Protein backbone atom coordinates (compact mmCIF):
# COMPACT_ATOMS: atom_id res chain seq x y z
CA MET A 1 0.00 0.00 0.00
CA THR A 2 1.16 3.54 -0.76
CA THR A 3 2.00 5.43 2.43
CA PHE A 4 0.32 8.84 2.83
CA VAL A 5 2.34 11.63 4.48
CA LEU A 6 0.70 14.96 5.36
CA ALA A 7 3.23 17.81 5.43
CA SER A 8 1.22 19.94 7.83
CA ALA A 9 0.74 20.57 11.53
CA SER A 10 -2.93 21.42 10.96
CA PRO A 11 -5.24 19.19 13.01
CA ALA A 12 -8.13 20.32 10.79
CA ARG A 13 -6.45 18.95 7.66
CA ARG A 14 -5.74 15.69 9.41
CA GLU A 15 -9.36 15.38 10.54
CA VAL A 16 -10.64 16.00 7.01
CA LEU A 17 -8.48 13.13 5.79
CA ARG A 18 -9.40 10.84 8.68
CA SER A 19 -13.10 11.46 8.09
CA ALA A 20 -12.51 10.55 4.44
CA GLY A 21 -10.85 7.23 5.26
CA ILE A 22 -7.15 8.13 5.49
CA ASP A 23 -5.18 8.40 8.74
CA PRO A 24 -1.97 10.04 7.50
CA ILE A 25 1.53 10.09 8.88
CA VAL A 26 2.04 13.72 9.93
CA ARG A 27 5.37 15.44 9.36
CA VAL A 28 5.69 19.20 9.91
CA SER A 29 7.76 21.12 7.39
CA ASP A 30 8.74 24.12 9.55
CA VAL A 31 9.41 26.21 6.43
CA ASP A 32 9.46 30.00 6.75
CA GLU A 33 6.26 30.85 4.89
CA ASP A 34 6.79 34.61 5.06
CA ALA A 35 10.32 34.33 3.64
CA ILE A 36 9.21 32.10 0.79
CA ALA A 37 6.36 34.44 -0.14
CA ALA A 38 8.62 37.48 0.08
CA ALA A 39 11.17 35.86 -2.26
CA LEU A 40 8.63 35.45 -5.07
CA PRO A 41 8.71 38.01 -7.89
CA GLU A 42 6.69 41.16 -7.37
CA GLY A 43 3.22 40.79 -8.83
CA THR A 44 3.06 37.01 -8.37
CA GLY A 45 -0.60 35.97 -8.46
CA PRO A 46 -2.33 34.70 -5.32
CA GLU A 47 -2.85 31.20 -6.72
CA THR A 48 0.85 30.92 -7.52
CA VAL A 49 1.81 32.13 -4.03
CA VAL A 50 -0.16 29.43 -2.23
CA VAL A 51 0.97 26.74 -4.67
CA GLU A 52 4.64 27.69 -4.17
CA LEU A 53 4.18 27.54 -0.40
CA ALA A 54 2.53 24.12 -0.68
CA LYS A 55 5.40 22.91 -2.88
CA ALA A 56 7.98 24.16 -0.39
CA LYS A 57 6.28 22.36 2.49
CA ALA A 58 5.98 19.08 0.59
CA ALA A 59 9.56 19.25 -0.66
CA ALA A 60 10.95 19.99 2.81
CA VAL A 61 9.19 16.97 4.27
CA ALA A 62 10.07 14.72 1.32
CA ALA A 63 13.74 15.49 1.93
CA THR A 64 13.49 14.11 5.48
CA ILE A 65 11.89 10.76 4.73
CA PRO A 66 14.17 8.70 2.49
CA GLY A 67 13.57 5.06 3.20
CA LEU A 68 10.26 5.70 5.00
CA ASP A 69 8.58 3.32 2.60
CA ALA A 70 9.20 1.90 -0.83
CA ASP A 71 6.20 3.88 -2.13
CA CYS A 72 4.68 6.99 -0.56
CA VAL A 73 3.01 10.30 -1.34
CA VAL A 74 3.74 13.56 0.46
CA VAL A 75 0.99 16.17 0.43
CA GLY A 76 1.59 19.83 1.22
CA CYS A 77 -1.05 22.55 1.40
CA ASP A 78 -1.22 26.26 2.09
CA SER A 79 -4.32 28.40 2.54
CA MET A 80 -4.75 32.17 2.48
CA LEU A 81 -7.73 34.49 2.31
CA LEU A 82 -7.91 36.89 -0.63
CA VAL A 83 -9.56 40.16 0.45
CA ASP A 84 -9.61 43.15 -1.90
CA GLY A 85 -6.76 41.63 -3.91
CA GLU A 86 -4.53 41.11 -0.85
CA LEU A 87 -3.59 37.71 0.55
CA GLN A 88 -4.01 37.25 4.28
CA GLY A 89 -2.39 34.44 6.21
CA LYS A 90 -2.44 33.79 9.95
CA PRO A 91 -2.89 37.03 11.94
CA HIS A 92 -0.86 35.82 14.98
CA THR A 93 -1.99 38.73 17.20
CA PRO A 94 -5.42 39.86 18.50
CA GLU A 95 -4.91 43.30 17.01
CA VAL A 96 -4.37 41.97 13.49
CA ALA A 97 -7.26 39.51 13.83
CA ARG A 98 -9.59 42.32 14.87
CA ALA A 99 -8.48 44.52 12.00
CA ARG A 100 -9.06 41.73 9.50
CA TRP A 101 -12.54 41.03 10.80
CA GLY A 102 -13.21 44.74 10.46
CA GLU A 103 -12.40 44.40 6.75
CA MET A 104 -14.31 41.18 6.00
CA ALA A 105 -17.37 41.20 8.28
CA GLY A 106 -20.55 41.30 6.20
CA ARG A 107 -18.57 40.80 3.00
CA SER A 108 -17.30 38.00 0.78
CA ALA A 109 -13.74 36.85 0.18
CA ASP A 110 -12.00 33.96 -1.56
CA LEU A 111 -10.15 31.28 0.38
CA VAL A 112 -7.40 29.97 -1.91
CA THR A 113 -5.59 26.74 -1.08
CA GLY A 114 -2.50 25.51 -2.86
CA HIS A 115 -1.94 21.73 -3.05
CA CYS A 116 1.21 19.81 -3.90
CA VAL A 117 1.42 16.02 -4.18
CA LEU A 118 4.84 14.37 -4.46
CA ARG A 119 5.15 10.65 -5.11
CA LEU A 120 8.30 9.01 -3.82
CA ARG A 121 9.68 5.60 -4.56
CA ASP A 122 12.65 4.37 -2.53
CA GLY A 123 13.20 7.90 -1.25
CA ARG A 124 13.28 9.52 -4.71
CA ILE A 125 10.63 11.87 -6.11
CA ILE A 126 9.22 10.28 -9.26
CA ALA A 127 6.15 12.46 -9.87
CA GLU A 128 4.67 15.82 -8.85
CA ALA A 129 1.21 17.35 -9.24
CA VAL A 130 0.16 20.83 -8.10
CA ASP A 131 -2.93 23.02 -8.32
CA CYS A 132 -5.01 25.55 -6.41
CA SER A 133 -8.63 25.56 -5.30
CA SER A 134 -10.70 28.66 -4.57
CA THR A 135 -13.91 28.92 -2.54
CA THR A 136 -15.93 32.07 -1.86
CA VAL A 137 -16.77 32.65 1.80
CA HIS A 138 -19.65 34.95 2.77
CA PHE A 139 -19.04 36.34 6.25
CA ALA A 140 -21.63 37.40 8.81
CA LYS A 141 -21.28 40.49 11.01
CA PRO A 142 -20.40 39.39 14.54
CA GLU A 143 -21.63 41.64 17.31
CA PRO A 144 -18.77 43.45 19.10
CA ASP A 145 -19.05 41.22 22.17
CA GLU A 146 -19.13 38.11 19.95
CA LEU A 147 -15.98 39.20 18.16
CA ASP A 148 -14.27 39.96 21.48
CA ALA A 149 -15.15 36.49 22.75
CA TYR A 150 -14.01 34.81 19.52
CA ILE A 151 -10.65 36.57 19.47
CA ALA A 152 -10.16 35.78 23.17
CA THR A 153 -10.32 32.04 22.39
CA GLY A 154 -7.12 32.37 20.34
CA GLU A 155 -8.57 30.34 17.47
CA PRO A 156 -8.53 33.10 14.82
CA LEU A 157 -4.90 33.95 15.58
CA ARG A 158 -3.67 30.57 14.36
CA VAL A 159 -5.58 30.16 11.08
CA ALA A 160 -5.49 31.69 7.63
CA GLY A 161 -7.91 34.58 7.26
CA ALA A 162 -8.62 34.68 11.02
CA PHE A 163 -11.54 32.26 10.83
CA THR A 164 -12.45 28.59 10.69
CA LEU A 165 -15.38 26.88 9.03
CA ASP A 166 -15.23 23.74 11.17
CA GLY A 167 -14.62 25.43 14.52
CA LEU A 168 -15.91 28.41 16.50
CA GLY A 169 -15.57 30.64 13.45
CA GLY A 170 -18.29 28.67 11.69
CA TRP A 171 -20.87 30.65 13.66
CA PHE A 172 -19.83 33.74 11.70
CA VAL A 173 -19.92 32.31 8.18
CA ASP A 174 -23.26 32.77 6.40
CA ARG A 175 -22.49 30.44 3.49
CA ILE A 176 -19.81 29.34 1.05
CA ASP A 177 -19.72 28.86 -2.70
CA GLY A 178 -17.44 25.94 -3.47
CA ASP A 179 -15.74 23.04 -1.72
CA PRO A 180 -16.06 23.12 2.11
CA SER A 181 -13.09 20.79 2.63
CA SER A 182 -10.89 23.27 0.77
CA VAL A 183 -11.93 26.02 3.19
CA ILE A 184 -10.89 23.76 6.07
CA GLY A 185 -7.50 23.46 4.43
CA ILE A 186 -7.34 20.46 2.08
CA GLY A 187 -9.72 20.04 -0.84
CA LEU A 188 -10.77 16.43 -1.29
CA PRO A 189 -12.00 16.73 -4.90
CA LEU A 190 -8.79 18.45 -6.01
CA LEU A 191 -6.60 16.10 -3.97
CA ARG A 192 -8.27 13.06 -5.56
CA ARG A 193 -7.40 14.42 -9.02
CA LEU A 194 -3.82 15.24 -8.06
CA LEU A 195 -3.30 11.80 -6.56
CA GLY A 196 -4.58 10.33 -9.81
CA ASP A 197 -2.09 12.49 -11.70
CA VAL A 198 0.78 10.80 -9.83
CA GLY A 199 -0.71 7.35 -10.32
CA VAL A 200 -2.45 6.78 -7.00
CA ALA A 201 -6.17 6.00 -6.78
CA VAL A 202 -7.67 7.49 -3.62
CA THR A 203 -9.52 4.23 -3.00
CA GLN A 204 -6.14 2.55 -2.52
CA LEU A 205 -5.56 4.78 0.49
CA TRP A 206 -8.82 4.13 2.31
CA GLY A 207 -8.22 2.35 5.58
CA HIS A 208 -4.58 3.47 5.73
CA THR A 209 -3.53 3.76 9.37
CA ALA A 210 -0.54 5.77 10.47
CA PRO A 211 1.97 3.82 12.55
């Protein structure tokens, strides 16, 4: 069986995969996302930015696992919220999270997620597939005390766009247009296609259990 490695520390991504029949091996890339994005040419499109970040994460993890298994796939992802043409990652501080909610409350924005799938055989990359998904998120307008309480939980500080769909932030999302799993951080329909592009049927991975 092909071993599935998730190059992400995100528990939400892992839970999406587990709910869909795959319990991945988790390896964290620890790449400097800000440095990678800053090194891209000026004017690089948002879809390219998140794809390059996903590629960097997958490649960093792939370099650490030679001999893990004779056949494995490494999957890297990166999500950012596109608001008024500007990409927004994790806010990290309450002040930034509050400012971002001030911009997006009652409005719509696009959550873009880059995906990279690397297939390794005997520790060597033999195939790569990359792409980006985009889903429109329609935000509600939290009351001031609701926003204070949400920010105080710390959840919006740690996630792209300062919100979650599958956590406390879901209370403040009116609806989405597109793939909900992509908003959570890993798009199952796109991932199925990318796995197929590197020669792995998703049904082969069902029931996989991480050691």
